[in-house]
PDB file of N, CA and C in Angstrom:
ATOM      1  N   UNK A   1      35.062  -9.464  11.553  1.00  0.00           N
ATOM      2  CA  UNK A   1      33.957  -8.541  11.558  1.00  0.00           C
ATOM      3  C   UNK A   1      32.655  -9.327  11.341  1.00  0.00           C
ATOM      4  N   UNK A   2      31.652  -9.091  12.183  1.00  0.00           N
ATOM      5  CA  UNK A   2      30.396  -9.825  12.062  1.00  0.00           C
ATOM      6  C   UNK A   2      29.495  -9.194  10.991  1.00  0.00           C
ATOM      7  N   UNK A   3      28.618 -10.007  10.375  1.00  0.00           N
ATOM      8  CA  UNK A   3      27.730  -9.456   9.338  1.00  0.00           C
ATOM      9  C   UNK A   3      26.750  -8.452   9.940  1.00  0.00           C
ATOM     10  N   UNK A   4      26.263  -7.543   9.094  1.00  0.00           N
ATOM     11  CA  UNK A   4      25.296  -6.544   9.565  1.00  0.00           C
ATOM     12  C   UNK A   4      23.999  -7.223   9.969  1.00  0.00           C
ATOM     13  N   UNK A   5      23.378  -6.719  10.998  1.00  0.00           N
ATOM     14  CA  UNK A   5      22.097  -7.267  11.435  1.00  0.00           C
ATOM     15  C   UNK A   5      20.987  -6.346  10.963  1.00  0.00           C
ATOM     16  N   UNK A   6      19.760  -6.848  10.999  1.00  0.00           N
ATOM     17  CA  UNK A   6      18.618  -6.051  10.584  1.00  0.00           C
ATOM     18  C   UNK A   6      18.022  -6.570   9.291  1.00  0.00           C
ATOM     19  N   UNK A   7      17.062  -5.843   8.803  1.00  0.00           N
ATOM     20  CA  UNK A   7      16.371  -6.250   7.584  1.00  0.00           C
ATOM     21  C   UNK A   7      17.245  -5.992   6.367  1.00  0.00           C
ATOM     22  N   UNK A   8      17.128  -6.873   5.361  1.00  0.00           N
ATOM     23  CA  UNK A   8      17.867  -6.613   4.119  1.00  0.00           C
ATOM     24  C   UNK A   8      17.242  -5.436   3.376  1.00  0.00           C
ATOM     25  N   UNK A   9      18.034  -4.776   2.549  1.00  0.00           N
ATOM     26  CA  UNK A   9      17.537  -3.645   1.782  1.00  0.00           C
ATOM     27  C   UNK A   9      16.523  -4.129   0.756  1.00  0.00           C
ATOM     28  N   UNK A  10      15.442  -3.368   0.580  1.00  0.00           N
ATOM     29  CA  UNK A  10      14.389  -3.717  -0.379  1.00  0.00           C
ATOM     30  C   UNK A  10      14.839  -3.382  -1.794  1.00  0.00           C
ATOM     31  N   UNK A  11      14.347  -4.167  -2.757  1.00  0.00           N
ATOM     32  CA  UNK A  11      14.663  -3.905  -4.163  1.00  0.00           C
ATOM     33  C   UNK A  11      14.028  -2.597  -4.635  1.00  0.00           C
ATOM     34  N   UNK A  12      12.809  -2.332  -4.170  1.00  0.00           N
ATOM     35  CA  UNK A  12      12.087  -1.132  -4.574  1.00  0.00           C
ATOM     36  C   UNK A  12      11.533  -0.464  -3.307  1.00  0.00           C
ATOM     37  N   UNK A  13      12.377   0.264  -2.561  1.00  0.00           N
ATOM     38  CA  UNK A  13      11.911   0.846  -1.292  1.00  0.00           C
ATOM     39  C   UNK A  13      10.798   1.863  -1.508  1.00  0.00           C
ATOM     40  N   UNK A  14       9.855   1.866  -0.591  1.00  0.00           N
ATOM     41  CA  UNK A  14       8.734   2.798  -0.661  1.00  0.00           C
ATOM     42  C   UNK A  14       9.027   3.962   0.279  1.00  0.00           C
ATOM     43  N   UNK A  15       9.706   4.959  -0.258  1.00  0.00           N
ATOM     44  CA  UNK A  15      10.196   6.061   0.561  1.00  0.00           C
ATOM     45  C   UNK A  15       9.298   7.294   0.500  1.00  0.00           C
ATOM     46  N   UNK A  16       8.295   7.305  -0.371  1.00  0.00           N
ATOM     47  CA  UNK A  16       7.394   8.454  -0.487  1.00  0.00           C
ATOM     48  C   UNK A  16       6.109   8.190   0.278  1.00  0.00           C
ATOM     49  N   UNK A  17       5.702   9.172   1.053  1.00  0.00           N
ATOM     50  CA  UNK A  17       4.519   9.059   1.889  1.00  0.00           C
ATOM     51  C   UNK A  17       3.434   9.969   1.331  1.00  0.00           C
ATOM     52  N   UNK A  18       2.219   9.434   1.166  1.00  0.00           N
ATOM     53  CA  UNK A  18       1.098  10.213   0.644  1.00  0.00           C
ATOM     54  C   UNK A  18      -0.044  10.123   1.645  1.00  0.00           C
ATOM     55  N   UNK A  19      -0.649  11.254   1.921  1.00  0.00           N
ATOM     56  CA  UNK A  19      -1.788  11.284   2.831  1.00  0.00           C
ATOM     57  C   UNK A  19      -3.032  11.647   2.039  1.00  0.00           C
ATOM     58  N   UNK A  20      -4.122  10.955   2.321  1.00  0.00           N
ATOM     59  CA  UNK A  20      -5.380  11.232   1.637  1.00  0.00           C
ATOM     60  C   UNK A  20      -6.505  11.201   2.671  1.00  0.00           C
ATOM     61  N   UNK A  21      -7.465  12.082   2.481  1.00  0.00           N
ATOM     62  CA  UNK A  21      -8.623  12.114   3.370  1.00  0.00           C
ATOM     63  C   UNK A  21      -9.787  11.443   2.664  1.00  0.00           C
ATOM     64  N   UNK A  22     -10.470  10.534   3.375  1.00  0.00           N
ATOM     65  CA  UNK A  22     -11.596   9.805   2.816  1.00  0.00           C
ATOM     66  C   UNK A  22     -12.833  10.020   3.667  1.00  0.00           C
ATOM     67  N   UNK A  23     -13.989  10.037   3.009  1.00  0.00           N
ATOM     68  CA  UNK A  23     -15.230  10.074   3.782  1.00  0.00           C
ATOM     69  C   UNK A  23     -15.451   8.679   4.370  1.00  0.00           C
ATOM     70  N   UNK A  24     -16.370   8.592   5.297  1.00  0.00           N
ATOM     71  CA  UNK A  24     -16.574   7.339   6.041  1.00  0.00           C
ATOM     72  C   UNK A  24     -17.002   6.186   5.131  1.00  0.00           C
ATOM     73  N   UNK A  25     -17.882   6.448   4.178  1.00  0.00           N
ATOM     74  CA  UNK A  25     -18.369   5.393   3.287  1.00  0.00           C
ATOM     75  C   UNK A  25     -17.228   4.839   2.438  1.00  0.00           C
ATOM     76  N   UNK A  26     -16.419   5.714   1.855  1.00  0.00           N
ATOM     77  CA  UNK A  26     -15.306   5.278   1.025  1.00  0.00           C
ATOM     78  C   UNK A  26     -14.289   4.496   1.849  1.00  0.00           C
ATOM     79  N   UNK A  27     -14.035   4.953   3.059  1.00  0.00           N
ATOM     80  CA  UNK A  27     -13.073   4.262   3.928  1.00  0.00           C
ATOM     81  C   UNK A  27     -13.572   2.869   4.277  1.00  0.00           C
ATOM     82  N   UNK A  28     -14.863   2.730   4.583  1.00  0.00           N
ATOM     83  CA  UNK A  28     -15.419   1.412   4.893  1.00  0.00           C
ATOM     84  C   UNK A  28     -15.324   0.481   3.690  1.00  0.00           C
ATOM     85  N   UNK A  29     -15.579   1.025   2.490  1.00  0.00           N
ATOM     86  CA  UNK A  29     -15.473   0.215   1.272  1.00  0.00           C
ATOM     87  C   UNK A  29     -14.032  -0.239   1.047  1.00  0.00           C
ATOM     88  N   UNK A  30     -13.079   0.647   1.295  1.00  0.00           N
ATOM     89  CA  UNK A  30     -11.667   0.305   1.156  1.00  0.00           C
ATOM     90  C   UNK A  30     -11.288  -0.797   2.145  1.00  0.00           C
ATOM     91  N   UNK A  31     -11.702  -0.654   3.391  1.00  0.00           N
ATOM     92  CA  UNK A  31     -11.395  -1.666   4.400  1.00  0.00           C
ATOM     93  C   UNK A  31     -12.010  -3.015   4.042  1.00  0.00           C
ATOM     94  N   UNK A  32     -13.241  -3.006   3.541  1.00  0.00           N
ATOM     95  CA  UNK A  32     -13.898  -4.255   3.162  1.00  0.00           C
ATOM     96  C   UNK A  32     -13.186  -4.913   1.980  1.00  0.00           C
ATOM     97  N   UNK A  33     -12.787  -4.105   1.006  1.00  0.00           N
ATOM     98  CA  UNK A  33     -12.043  -4.625  -0.148  1.00  0.00           C
ATOM     99  C   UNK A  33     -10.739  -5.269   0.317  1.00  0.00           C
ATOM    100  N   UNK A  34     -10.035  -4.584   1.194  1.00  0.00           N
ATOM    101  CA  UNK A  34      -8.758  -5.108   1.701  1.00  0.00           C
ATOM    102  C   UNK A  34      -8.962  -6.413   2.470  1.00  0.00           C
ATOM    103  N   UNK A  35     -10.014  -6.465   3.246  1.00  0.00           N
ATOM    104  CA  UNK A  35     -10.300  -7.680   4.002  1.00  0.00           C
ATOM    105  C   UNK A  35     -10.636  -8.832   3.054  1.00  0.00           C
ATOM    106  N   UNK A  36     -11.458  -8.570   2.036  1.00  0.00           N
ATOM    107  CA  UNK A  36     -11.867  -9.607   1.085  1.00  0.00           C
ATOM    108  C   UNK A  36     -10.692 -10.132   0.265  1.00  0.00           C
ATOM    109  N   UNK A  37      -9.722  -9.259  -0.050  1.00  0.00           N
ATOM    110  CA  UNK A  37      -8.595  -9.645  -0.889  1.00  0.00           C
ATOM    111  C   UNK A  37      -7.311  -9.892  -0.093  1.00  0.00           C
ATOM    112  N   UNK A  38      -7.414  -9.762   1.223  1.00  0.00           N
ATOM    113  CA  UNK A  38      -6.288 -10.009   2.132  1.00  0.00           C
ATOM    114  C   UNK A  38      -5.055  -9.196   1.730  1.00  0.00           C
ATOM    115  N   UNK A  39      -5.254  -7.882   1.535  1.00  0.00           N
ATOM    116  CA  UNK A  39      -4.154  -6.972   1.211  1.00  0.00           C
ATOM    117  C   UNK A  39      -4.240  -5.761   2.128  1.00  0.00           C
ATOM    118  N   UNK A  40      -3.167  -4.986   2.178  1.00  0.00           N
ATOM    119  CA  UNK A  40      -3.152  -3.778   2.995  1.00  0.00           C
ATOM    120  C   UNK A  40      -3.812  -2.632   2.226  1.00  0.00           C
ATOM    121  N   UNK A  41      -4.136  -1.579   2.954  1.00  0.00           N
ATOM    122  CA  UNK A  41      -4.714  -0.392   2.307  1.00  0.00           C
ATOM    123  C   UNK A  41      -3.728   0.193   1.310  1.00  0.00           C
ATOM    124  N   UNK A  42      -2.457   0.216   1.665  1.00  0.00           N
ATOM    125  CA  UNK A  42      -1.448   0.767   0.759  1.00  0.00           C
ATOM    126  C   UNK A  42      -1.372  -0.038  -0.537  1.00  0.00           C
ATOM    127  N   UNK A  43      -1.440  -1.358  -0.432  1.00  0.00           N
ATOM    128  CA  UNK A  43      -1.412  -2.202  -1.635  1.00  0.00           C
ATOM    129  C   UNK A  43      -2.626  -1.927  -2.513  1.00  0.00           C
ATOM    130  N   UNK A  44      -3.796  -1.795  -1.902  1.00  0.00           N
ATOM    131  CA  UNK A  44      -5.018  -1.539  -2.660  1.00  0.00           C
ATOM    132  C   UNK A  44      -4.930  -0.202  -3.387  1.00  0.00           C
ATOM    133  N   UNK A  45      -4.407   0.809  -2.721  1.00  0.00           N
ATOM    134  CA  UNK A  45      -4.293   2.133  -3.336  1.00  0.00           C
ATOM    135  C   UNK A  45      -3.272   2.103  -4.467  1.00  0.00           C
ATOM    136  N   UNK A  46      -2.139   1.432  -4.258  1.00  0.00           N
ATOM    137  CA  UNK A  46      -1.146   1.308  -5.336  1.00  0.00           C
ATOM    138  C   UNK A  46      -1.744   0.593  -6.543  1.00  0.00           C
ATOM    139  N   UNK A  47      -2.509  -0.492  -6.294  1.00  0.00           N
ATOM    140  CA  UNK A  47      -3.161  -1.206  -7.392  1.00  0.00           C
ATOM    141  C   UNK A  47      -4.145  -0.298  -8.130  1.00  0.00           C
ATOM    142  N   UNK A  48      -4.870   0.525  -7.381  1.00  0.00           N
ATOM    143  CA  UNK A  48      -5.807   1.463  -7.997  1.00  0.00           C
ATOM    144  C   UNK A  48      -5.103   2.479  -8.882  1.00  0.00           C
ATOM    145  N   UNK A  49      -3.954   2.941  -8.465  1.00  0.00           N
ATOM    146  CA  UNK A  49      -3.184   3.892  -9.272  1.00  0.00           C
ATOM    147  C   UNK A  49      -2.747   3.237 -10.568  1.00  0.00           C
ATOM    148  N   UNK A  50      -2.279   1.988 -10.484  1.00  0.00           N
ATOM    149  CA  UNK A  50      -1.858   1.285 -11.699  1.00  0.00           C
ATOM    150  C   UNK A  50      -3.045   1.070 -12.647  1.00  0.00           C
ATOM    151  N   UNK A  51      -4.224   0.788 -12.099  1.00  0.00           N
ATOM    152  CA  UNK A  51      -5.410   0.635 -12.949  1.00  0.00           C
ATOM    153  C   UNK A  51      -5.729   1.939 -13.682  1.00  0.00           C
ATOM    154  N   UNK A  52      -5.608   3.057 -12.983  1.00  0.00           N
ATOM    155  CA  UNK A  52      -5.858   4.360 -13.622  1.00  0.00           C
ATOM    156  C   UNK A  52      -4.851   4.643 -14.733  1.00  0.00           C
ATOM    157  N   UNK A  53      -3.607   4.274 -14.522  1.00  0.00           N
ATOM    158  CA  UNK A  53      -2.562   4.536 -15.486  1.00  0.00           C
ATOM    159  C   UNK A  53      -2.686   3.658 -16.738  1.00  0.00           C
ATOM    160  N   UNK A  54      -3.340   2.502 -16.627  1.00  0.00           N
ATOM    161  CA  UNK A  54      -3.521   1.603 -17.757  1.00  0.00           C
ATOM    162  C   UNK A  54      -4.574   2.113 -18.748  1.00  0.00           C
ATOM    163  N   UNK A  55      -5.444   2.995 -18.310  1.00  0.00           N
ATOM    164  CA  UNK A  55      -6.519   3.504 -19.178  1.00  0.00           C
ATOM    165  C   UNK A  55      -5.961   4.329 -20.295  1.00  0.00           C
TER     166      UNK A  55
END
């Protein structure tokens, strides 16, 4: 029997999807932040949530 092909299972799968509406200014700021820090929008938003929870 051959081994399974495809991606390995993630340790912490991101199975929940959240949609948010942003005004144009906020969206541009988010994109600029992501570009400056070389991260995705999802990573930036997750980091922001963790910052809020630390307060």
